[in-house]
Amino acid sequence: MTKLIVRQLAKEDFKAYKTLFDEAYYEYLAGLKQSNLQRYRRELQDKRKVTSSRFNFYLKTGSSFVAEEKGKVIGYVASQTVNYQHGVNKLLWIEYIVTKKEHRRHGVATLLLEKLIDHAKHEKIDRIYTTINPDNTASIKLHQKLGFNVKNWTTASLQTKQ
């Protein structure tokens, strides 16, 4: 494998970020349809898209990173800092970890998470959180390998806007 560069997300990464997100998201939805249509009905109705404002949000966090090979973005981790949640003063919330399909199982996501962990330590962030679909064994193994305590995925949400 060629040398990877892991760096902070930059404005010029928008197109690559959007393309990677779309590829991974549609693959994710296809997997949900195959595994358990009833269980994931709500997720299948949620049509997430990368907008410039969403991208700019992660750009401004300073805690989102891309993996680059030969000048092309092949993966990213999008996260944000949250204060005073889950009994923790300062935590880093991982929203997405995405790796281009043909680069998976080559250590890209590991390097991205290691960069994020280093960033959290440098910024004196107390904890890192994320949610992982219980059917995503690759993601569970990745997080466990890096020392994450992986528990059940349970979410509760309330839509306040119609």
N, C-alpha and C. Protein backbone atom coordinates (compact mmCIF):
# COMPACT_ATOMS: atom_id res chain seq x y z
N MET A 1 0.83 -1.18 0.00
CA MET A 1 0.00 0.00 0.00
C MET A 1 0.88 1.24 0.00
N THR A 2 0.50 2.23 -0.76
CA THR A 2 1.21 3.49 -0.81
C THR A 2 1.04 4.23 0.51
N LYS A 3 1.95 5.12 0.77
CA LYS A 3 1.89 5.89 2.02
C LYS A 3 0.62 6.75 2.07
N LEU A 4 -0.06 6.65 3.19
CA LEU A 4 -1.27 7.44 3.41
C LEU A 4 -0.93 8.70 4.20
N ILE A 5 -1.63 9.75 3.88
CA ILE A 5 -1.53 10.98 4.65
C ILE A 5 -2.86 11.18 5.34
N VAL A 6 -2.83 11.41 6.63
CA VAL A 6 -4.05 11.73 7.37
C VAL A 6 -3.90 13.18 7.81
N ARG A 7 -4.86 13.98 7.40
CA ARG A 7 -4.80 15.42 7.67
C ARG A 7 -6.19 15.94 8.00
N GLN A 8 -6.21 17.16 8.50
CA GLN A 8 -7.47 17.78 8.84
C GLN A 8 -8.30 18.03 7.57
N LEU A 9 -9.60 17.89 7.71
CA LEU A 9 -10.54 18.16 6.64
C LEU A 9 -10.34 19.60 6.14
N ALA A 10 -10.35 19.78 4.83
CA ALA A 10 -10.15 21.11 4.23
C ALA A 10 -11.29 21.44 3.28
N LYS A 11 -11.45 22.71 3.01
CA LYS A 11 -12.54 23.20 2.15
C LYS A 11 -12.56 22.50 0.80
N GLU A 12 -11.38 22.26 0.22
CA GLU A 12 -11.31 21.64 -1.11
C GLU A 12 -11.68 20.15 -1.10
N ASP A 13 -11.98 19.59 0.06
CA ASP A 13 -12.36 18.18 0.16
C ASP A 13 -13.86 17.94 -0.04
N PHE A 14 -14.64 18.99 -0.25
CA PHE A 14 -16.09 18.85 -0.30
C PHE A 14 -16.55 17.79 -1.32
N LYS A 15 -16.09 17.88 -2.54
CA LYS A 15 -16.56 16.96 -3.58
C LYS A 15 -16.21 15.50 -3.23
N ALA A 16 -14.98 15.26 -2.80
CA ALA A 16 -14.55 13.90 -2.43
C ALA A 16 -15.35 13.40 -1.22
N TYR A 17 -15.55 14.27 -0.24
CA TYR A 17 -16.30 13.94 0.97
C TYR A 17 -17.73 13.53 0.58
N LYS A 18 -18.37 14.34 -0.25
CA LYS A 18 -19.74 14.06 -0.68
C LYS A 18 -19.82 12.75 -1.46
N THR A 19 -18.89 12.54 -2.36
CA THR A 19 -18.88 11.32 -3.16
C THR A 19 -18.70 10.09 -2.28
N LEU A 20 -17.76 10.15 -1.35
CA LEU A 20 -17.54 9.02 -0.44
C LEU A 20 -18.76 8.77 0.43
N PHE A 21 -19.35 9.85 0.95
CA PHE A 21 -20.54 9.70 1.78
C PHE A 21 -21.66 9.02 1.01
N ASP A 22 -21.93 9.51 -0.20
CA ASP A 22 -23.00 8.93 -1.01
C ASP A 22 -22.77 7.45 -1.29
N GLU A 23 -21.55 7.09 -1.67
CA GLU A 23 -21.22 5.68 -1.93
C GLU A 23 -21.46 4.82 -0.70
N ALA A 24 -20.94 5.27 0.44
CA ALA A 24 -21.06 4.48 1.67
C ALA A 24 -22.49 4.44 2.17
N TYR A 25 -23.19 5.54 2.07
CA TYR A 25 -24.56 5.60 2.58
C TYR A 25 -25.49 4.69 1.79
N TYR A 26 -25.38 4.71 0.47
CA TYR A 26 -26.24 3.84 -0.34
C TYR A 26 -25.88 2.36 -0.15
N GLU A 27 -24.63 2.09 0.07
CA GLU A 27 -24.21 0.72 0.38
C GLU A 27 -24.80 0.30 1.73
N TYR A 28 -24.75 1.20 2.71
CA TYR A 28 -25.30 0.95 4.04
C TYR A 28 -26.81 0.66 3.95
N LEU A 29 -27.54 1.50 3.21
CA LEU A 29 -28.98 1.29 3.07
C LEU A 29 -29.29 -0.04 2.38
N ALA A 30 -28.51 -0.40 1.38
CA ALA A 30 -28.71 -1.68 0.69
C ALA A 30 -28.50 -2.84 1.66
N GLY A 31 -27.52 -2.72 2.52
CA GLY A 31 -27.26 -3.75 3.53
C GLY A 31 -28.40 -3.87 4.53
N LEU A 32 -28.95 -2.73 4.94
CA LEU A 32 -30.07 -2.74 5.87
C LEU A 32 -31.28 -3.44 5.25
N LYS A 33 -31.53 -3.16 3.97
CA LYS A 33 -32.67 -3.79 3.28
C LYS A 33 -32.53 -5.30 3.27
N GLN A 34 -31.30 -5.77 3.07
CA GLN A 34 -31.07 -7.21 3.01
C GLN A 34 -31.15 -7.86 4.38
N SER A 35 -30.65 -7.17 5.40
CA SER A 35 -30.54 -7.81 6.71
C SER A 35 -31.87 -7.88 7.46
N ASN A 36 -32.61 -6.78 7.52
CA ASN A 36 -33.83 -6.80 8.31
C ASN A 36 -34.66 -5.57 8.00
N LEU A 37 -35.52 -5.68 7.01
CA LEU A 37 -36.31 -4.55 6.53
C LEU A 37 -37.17 -3.95 7.65
N GLN A 38 -37.82 -4.75 8.45
CA GLN A 38 -38.68 -4.25 9.52
C GLN A 38 -37.88 -3.50 10.58
N ARG A 39 -36.78 -4.09 10.99
CA ARG A 39 -35.96 -3.51 12.06
C ARG A 39 -35.42 -2.14 11.69
N TYR A 40 -35.10 -1.93 10.42
CA TYR A 40 -34.46 -0.69 10.00
C TYR A 40 -35.36 0.21 9.16
N ARG A 41 -36.65 0.06 9.32
CA ARG A 41 -37.61 0.85 8.54
C ARG A 41 -37.35 2.35 8.67
N ARG A 42 -37.12 2.83 9.87
CA ARG A 42 -36.90 4.27 10.08
C ARG A 42 -35.62 4.75 9.39
N GLU A 43 -34.54 3.98 9.52
CA GLU A 43 -33.28 4.36 8.88
C GLU A 43 -33.42 4.40 7.36
N LEU A 44 -34.21 3.49 6.82
CA LEU A 44 -34.39 3.44 5.37
C LEU A 44 -35.21 4.62 4.85
N GLN A 45 -36.01 5.23 5.71
CA GLN A 45 -36.80 6.39 5.31
C GLN A 45 -35.99 7.69 5.41
N ASP A 46 -34.93 7.68 6.19
CA ASP A 46 -34.08 8.85 6.37
C ASP A 46 -33.15 8.99 5.17
N LYS A 47 -33.35 10.00 4.37
CA LYS A 47 -32.53 10.22 3.17
C LYS A 47 -31.47 11.28 3.46
N ARG A 48 -30.36 10.87 4.01
CA ARG A 48 -29.30 11.82 4.36
C ARG A 48 -28.54 12.26 3.12
N LYS A 49 -28.18 13.53 3.12
CA LYS A 49 -27.41 14.09 2.03
C LYS A 49 -26.35 15.02 2.60
N VAL A 50 -25.26 15.13 1.90
CA VAL A 50 -24.22 16.08 2.27
C VAL A 50 -24.53 17.39 1.59
N THR A 51 -24.79 18.39 2.39
CA THR A 51 -24.98 19.74 1.87
C THR A 51 -23.74 20.55 2.20
N SER A 52 -23.59 21.69 1.58
CA SER A 52 -22.42 22.51 1.89
C SER A 52 -22.45 22.97 3.34
N SER A 53 -23.63 23.24 3.89
CA SER A 53 -23.69 23.66 5.30
C SER A 53 -23.31 22.52 6.25
N ARG A 54 -23.72 21.30 5.93
CA ARG A 54 -23.31 20.15 6.76
C ARG A 54 -21.80 19.94 6.68
N PHE A 55 -21.28 20.00 5.47
CA PHE A 55 -19.84 19.85 5.30
C PHE A 55 -19.10 20.95 6.06
N ASN A 56 -19.56 22.19 5.93
CA ASN A 56 -18.90 23.31 6.60
C ASN A 56 -18.94 23.17 8.12
N PHE A 57 -20.01 22.56 8.63
CA PHE A 57 -20.07 22.31 10.06
C PHE A 57 -18.89 21.44 10.49
N TYR A 58 -18.67 20.32 9.80
CA TYR A 58 -17.56 19.44 10.16
C TYR A 58 -16.21 20.08 9.86
N LEU A 59 -16.15 20.91 8.87
CA LEU A 59 -14.93 21.63 8.55
C LEU A 59 -14.54 22.54 9.72
N LYS A 60 -15.52 23.21 10.29
CA LYS A 60 -15.27 24.17 11.38
C LYS A 60 -14.97 23.49 12.72
N THR A 61 -15.33 22.24 12.87
CA THR A 61 -15.10 21.59 14.16
C THR A 61 -13.61 21.45 14.48
N GLY A 62 -12.80 21.32 13.45
CA GLY A 62 -11.37 21.11 13.66
C GLY A 62 -11.05 19.70 14.12
N SER A 63 -12.07 18.85 14.18
CA SER A 63 -11.86 17.48 14.65
C SER A 63 -12.31 16.45 13.62
N SER A 64 -12.30 16.86 12.37
CA SER A 64 -12.64 15.94 11.28
C SER A 64 -11.41 15.82 10.38
N PHE A 65 -11.13 14.58 9.95
CA PHE A 65 -9.90 14.31 9.23
C PHE A 65 -10.15 13.46 7.99
N VAL A 66 -9.26 13.58 7.01
CA VAL A 66 -9.33 12.75 5.81
C VAL A 66 -8.06 11.93 5.68
N ALA A 67 -8.19 10.78 5.01
CA ALA A 67 -7.04 9.95 4.63
C ALA A 67 -6.88 10.15 3.14
N GLU A 68 -5.66 10.39 2.74
CA GLU A 68 -5.37 10.70 1.35
C GLU A 68 -4.27 9.77 0.84
N GLU A 69 -4.46 9.26 -0.37
CA GLU A 69 -3.45 8.43 -1.02
C GLU A 69 -3.25 8.98 -2.43
N LYS A 70 -2.01 9.27 -2.76
CA LYS A 70 -1.67 9.83 -4.08
C LYS A 70 -2.52 11.05 -4.41
N GLY A 71 -2.76 11.89 -3.39
CA GLY A 71 -3.51 13.12 -3.61
C GLY A 71 -5.01 12.96 -3.68
N LYS A 72 -5.53 11.75 -3.47
CA LYS A 72 -6.98 11.52 -3.53
C LYS A 72 -7.50 11.09 -2.16
N VAL A 73 -8.61 11.68 -1.77
CA VAL A 73 -9.24 11.34 -0.49
C VAL A 73 -9.87 9.97 -0.62
N ILE A 74 -9.49 9.06 0.29
CA ILE A 74 -10.02 7.70 0.25
C ILE A 74 -10.78 7.34 1.52
N GLY A 75 -10.84 8.28 2.45
CA GLY A 75 -11.59 8.03 3.67
C GLY A 75 -11.64 9.28 4.53
N TYR A 76 -12.58 9.28 5.48
CA TYR A 76 -12.65 10.40 6.41
C TYR A 76 -13.35 9.99 7.70
N VAL A 77 -13.10 10.78 8.73
CA VAL A 77 -13.84 10.68 9.98
C VAL A 77 -14.38 12.08 10.26
N ALA A 78 -15.69 12.17 10.48
CA ALA A 78 -16.36 13.43 10.78
C ALA A 78 -16.80 13.40 12.24
N SER A 79 -16.38 14.40 12.98
CA SER A 79 -16.71 14.42 14.41
C SER A 79 -16.90 15.85 14.90
N GLN A 80 -17.39 15.95 16.11
CA GLN A 80 -17.60 17.26 16.72
C GLN A 80 -17.38 17.16 18.23
N THR A 81 -17.01 18.26 18.83
CA THR A 81 -16.85 18.32 20.27
C THR A 81 -18.17 18.74 20.89
N VAL A 82 -18.54 18.05 21.97
CA VAL A 82 -19.77 18.35 22.69
C VAL A 82 -19.39 18.54 24.15
N ASN A 83 -19.92 19.58 24.76
CA ASN A 83 -19.64 19.85 26.17
C ASN A 83 -20.78 19.38 27.06
N TYR A 84 -20.43 18.83 28.21
CA TYR A 84 -21.38 18.47 29.26
C TYR A 84 -22.48 17.52 28.80
N GLN A 85 -22.08 16.36 28.39
CA GLN A 85 -23.05 15.34 28.00
C GLN A 85 -22.59 13.99 28.54
N HIS A 86 -23.52 13.13 28.87
CA HIS A 86 -23.25 11.79 29.40
C HIS A 86 -22.35 11.85 30.64
N GLY A 87 -22.49 12.91 31.45
CA GLY A 87 -21.70 13.03 32.67
C GLY A 87 -20.23 13.36 32.41
N VAL A 88 -19.92 13.81 31.20
CA VAL A 88 -18.54 14.11 30.82
C VAL A 88 -18.47 15.60 30.48
N ASN A 89 -17.41 16.25 30.93
CA ASN A 89 -17.26 17.68 30.66
C ASN A 89 -17.07 17.99 29.18
N LYS A 90 -16.26 17.20 28.51
CA LYS A 90 -15.96 17.47 27.11
C LYS A 90 -15.78 16.15 26.40
N LEU A 91 -16.60 15.90 25.37
CA LEU A 91 -16.47 14.66 24.64
C LEU A 91 -16.42 14.93 23.15
N LEU A 92 -15.89 13.96 22.43
CA LEU A 92 -15.81 14.03 20.98
C LEU A 92 -16.81 13.03 20.44
N TRP A 93 -17.74 13.50 19.61
CA TRP A 93 -18.76 12.64 19.04
C TRP A 93 -18.39 12.32 17.60
N ILE A 94 -18.22 11.03 17.30
CA ILE A 94 -17.92 10.59 15.94
C ILE A 94 -19.25 10.37 15.22
N GLU A 95 -19.42 11.11 14.15
CA GLU A 95 -20.65 10.98 13.36
C GLU A 95 -20.47 9.94 12.25
N TYR A 96 -19.35 10.03 11.53
CA TYR A 96 -19.11 9.12 10.41
C TYR A 96 -17.64 8.71 10.33
N ILE A 97 -17.44 7.46 9.98
CA ILE A 97 -16.13 6.98 9.54
C ILE A 97 -16.41 6.30 8.21
N VAL A 98 -15.78 6.79 7.16
CA VAL A 98 -16.05 6.29 5.82
C VAL A 98 -14.73 5.98 5.13
N THR A 99 -14.65 4.81 4.52
CA THR A 99 -13.49 4.42 3.72
C THR A 99 -13.99 3.93 2.37
N LYS A 100 -13.35 4.40 1.33
CA LYS A 100 -13.68 3.96 -0.03
C LYS A 100 -13.62 2.43 -0.06
N LYS A 101 -14.59 1.81 -0.68
CA LYS A 101 -14.76 0.36 -0.64
C LYS A 101 -13.47 -0.41 -0.97
N GLU A 102 -12.78 -0.01 -2.04
CA GLU A 102 -11.59 -0.76 -2.45
C GLU A 102 -10.39 -0.55 -1.52
N HIS A 103 -10.51 0.35 -0.55
CA HIS A 103 -9.41 0.59 0.40
C HIS A 103 -9.70 0.04 1.79
N ARG A 104 -10.82 -0.63 1.94
CA ARG A 104 -11.16 -1.19 3.25
C ARG A 104 -10.25 -2.37 3.57
N ARG A 105 -10.09 -2.59 4.85
CA ARG A 105 -9.25 -3.68 5.37
C ARG A 105 -7.76 -3.46 5.07
N HIS A 106 -7.40 -2.17 4.87
CA HIS A 106 -6.00 -1.82 4.64
C HIS A 106 -5.49 -0.85 5.70
N GLY A 107 -6.24 -0.66 6.78
CA GLY A 107 -5.79 0.18 7.88
C GLY A 107 -6.17 1.65 7.78
N VAL A 108 -6.95 2.02 6.79
CA VAL A 108 -7.32 3.43 6.61
C VAL A 108 -8.15 3.93 7.81
N ALA A 109 -9.21 3.21 8.16
CA ALA A 109 -10.06 3.63 9.27
C ALA A 109 -9.29 3.62 10.59
N THR A 110 -8.38 2.68 10.74
CA THR A 110 -7.55 2.63 11.95
C THR A 110 -6.71 3.90 12.05
N LEU A 111 -6.07 4.29 10.96
CA LEU A 111 -5.26 5.52 10.96
C LEU A 111 -6.12 6.75 11.25
N LEU A 112 -7.31 6.81 10.68
CA LEU A 112 -8.21 7.93 10.94
C LEU A 112 -8.60 8.01 12.42
N LEU A 113 -8.96 6.87 12.99
CA LEU A 113 -9.35 6.86 14.40
C LEU A 113 -8.15 7.16 15.30
N GLU A 114 -6.98 6.66 14.95
CA GLU A 114 -5.78 6.97 15.75
C GLU A 114 -5.50 8.48 15.73
N LYS A 115 -5.67 9.11 14.57
CA LYS A 115 -5.49 10.56 14.46
C LYS A 115 -6.52 11.28 15.34
N LEU A 116 -7.75 10.80 15.32
CA LEU A 116 -8.80 11.41 16.12
C LEU A 116 -8.51 11.25 17.62
N ILE A 117 -8.03 10.08 18.00
CA ILE A 117 -7.68 9.84 19.41
C ILE A 117 -6.55 10.78 19.84
N ASP A 118 -5.53 10.91 19.00
CA ASP A 118 -4.43 11.85 19.30
C ASP A 118 -4.95 13.28 19.43
N HIS A 119 -5.85 13.65 18.53
CA HIS A 119 -6.45 14.98 18.58
C HIS A 119 -7.19 15.18 19.91
N ALA A 120 -7.97 14.19 20.30
CA ALA A 120 -8.73 14.27 21.55
C ALA A 120 -7.80 14.43 22.75
N LYS A 121 -6.73 13.67 22.77
CA LYS A 121 -5.76 13.78 23.88
C LYS A 121 -5.13 15.16 23.91
N HIS A 122 -4.74 15.65 22.75
CA HIS A 122 -4.10 16.97 22.64
C HIS A 122 -5.05 18.08 23.09
N GLU A 123 -6.34 17.93 22.78
CA GLU A 123 -7.35 18.94 23.13
C GLU A 123 -7.94 18.70 24.52
N LYS A 124 -7.39 17.73 25.25
CA LYS A 124 -7.86 17.39 26.61
C LYS A 124 -9.36 17.05 26.63
N ILE A 125 -9.76 16.29 25.63
CA ILE A 125 -11.14 15.82 25.55
C ILE A 125 -11.25 14.55 26.38
N ASP A 126 -12.25 14.50 27.25
CA ASP A 126 -12.37 13.43 28.23
C ASP A 126 -12.75 12.07 27.64
N ARG A 127 -13.58 12.08 26.60
CA ARG A 127 -14.10 10.81 26.10
C ARG A 127 -14.50 10.94 24.63
N ILE A 128 -14.49 9.82 23.93
CA ILE A 128 -14.95 9.77 22.55
C ILE A 128 -16.15 8.82 22.49
N TYR A 129 -17.21 9.27 21.85
CA TYR A 129 -18.44 8.48 21.71
C TYR A 129 -18.82 8.33 20.25
N THR A 130 -19.56 7.27 19.97
CA THR A 130 -20.20 7.08 18.68
C THR A 130 -21.30 6.04 18.84
N THR A 131 -22.11 5.87 17.82
CA THR A 131 -23.04 4.74 17.79
C THR A 131 -22.60 3.83 16.65
N ILE A 132 -22.78 2.56 16.87
CA ILE A 132 -22.41 1.56 15.86
C ILE A 132 -23.60 0.63 15.68
N ASN A 133 -23.98 0.42 14.45
CA ASN A 133 -25.04 -0.53 14.16
C ASN A 133 -24.58 -1.91 14.65
N PRO A 134 -25.40 -2.61 15.44
CA PRO A 134 -24.98 -3.91 15.98
C PRO A 134 -24.71 -4.96 14.90
N ASP A 135 -25.17 -4.74 13.68
CA ASP A 135 -24.89 -5.67 12.59
C ASP A 135 -23.59 -5.34 11.86
N ASN A 136 -22.93 -4.25 12.24
CA ASN A 136 -21.70 -3.84 11.57
C ASN A 136 -20.49 -4.39 12.34
N THR A 137 -20.23 -5.66 12.13
CA THR A 137 -19.15 -6.32 12.89
C THR A 137 -17.77 -5.74 12.59
N ALA A 138 -17.55 -5.28 11.37
CA ALA A 138 -16.25 -4.69 11.04
C ALA A 138 -16.00 -3.43 11.87
N SER A 139 -17.01 -2.59 12.01
CA SER A 139 -16.87 -1.37 12.80
C SER A 139 -16.71 -1.69 14.28
N ILE A 140 -17.45 -2.68 14.75
CA ILE A 140 -17.33 -3.09 16.15
C ILE A 140 -15.90 -3.56 16.43
N LYS A 141 -15.35 -4.41 15.58
CA LYS A 141 -13.99 -4.91 15.76
C LYS A 141 -12.96 -3.79 15.69
N LEU A 142 -13.15 -2.86 14.77
CA LEU A 142 -12.24 -1.72 14.64
C LEU A 142 -12.20 -0.93 15.94
N HIS A 143 -13.35 -0.58 16.46
CA HIS A 143 -13.41 0.21 17.69
C HIS A 143 -12.84 -0.55 18.88
N GLN A 144 -13.16 -1.83 18.98
CA GLN A 144 -12.62 -2.64 20.08
C GLN A 144 -11.10 -2.73 19.99
N LYS A 145 -10.57 -2.88 18.78
CA LYS A 145 -9.13 -2.96 18.58
C LYS A 145 -8.42 -1.71 19.12
N LEU A 146 -9.10 -0.58 19.01
CA LEU A 146 -8.50 0.68 19.46
C LEU A 146 -8.87 1.03 20.90
N GLY A 147 -9.51 0.09 21.61
CA GLY A 147 -9.77 0.28 23.03
C GLY A 147 -11.15 0.82 23.38
N PHE A 148 -12.04 0.96 22.42
CA PHE A 148 -13.40 1.43 22.71
C PHE A 148 -14.17 0.34 23.43
N ASN A 149 -15.00 0.75 24.37
CA ASN A 149 -15.91 -0.15 25.06
C ASN A 149 -17.21 -0.14 24.26
N VAL A 150 -17.45 -1.19 23.51
CA VAL A 150 -18.62 -1.23 22.62
C VAL A 150 -19.78 -1.91 23.34
N LYS A 151 -20.90 -1.20 23.42
CA LYS A 151 -22.11 -1.71 24.06
C LYS A 151 -23.22 -1.78 23.03
N ASN A 152 -24.40 -2.10 23.47
CA ASN A 152 -25.56 -2.18 22.58
C ASN A 152 -25.90 -0.82 21.99
N TRP A 153 -26.49 -0.84 20.79
CA TRP A 153 -26.93 0.38 20.13
C TRP A 153 -28.39 0.59 20.46
N THR A 154 -28.65 1.60 21.24
CA THR A 154 -30.02 1.96 21.55
C THR A 154 -30.12 3.47 21.38
N THR A 155 -31.08 3.90 20.61
CA THR A 155 -31.25 5.34 20.43
C THR A 155 -32.67 5.72 20.74
N ALA A 156 -32.84 6.92 21.22
CA ALA A 156 -34.16 7.49 21.43
C ALA A 156 -34.12 8.86 20.81
N SER A 157 -35.15 9.19 20.06
CA SER A 157 -35.17 10.52 19.45
C SER A 157 -36.60 11.04 19.41
N LEU A 158 -36.70 12.33 19.33
CA LEU A 158 -38.00 12.98 19.26
C LEU A 158 -37.94 14.03 18.17
N GLN A 159 -38.82 13.95 17.21
CA GLN A 159 -38.88 14.94 16.14
C GLN A 159 -39.79 16.07 16.60
N THR A 160 -39.24 17.27 16.69
CA THR A 160 -40.02 18.39 17.17
C THR A 160 -40.53 19.28 16.04
N LYS A 161 -40.07 19.03 14.85
CA LYS A 161 -40.46 19.81 13.68
C LYS A 161 -41.24 18.93 12.73
N GLN A 162 -42.32 19.40 12.20
CA GLN A 162 -43.12 18.59 11.27
C GLN A 162 -42.71 18.81 9.85
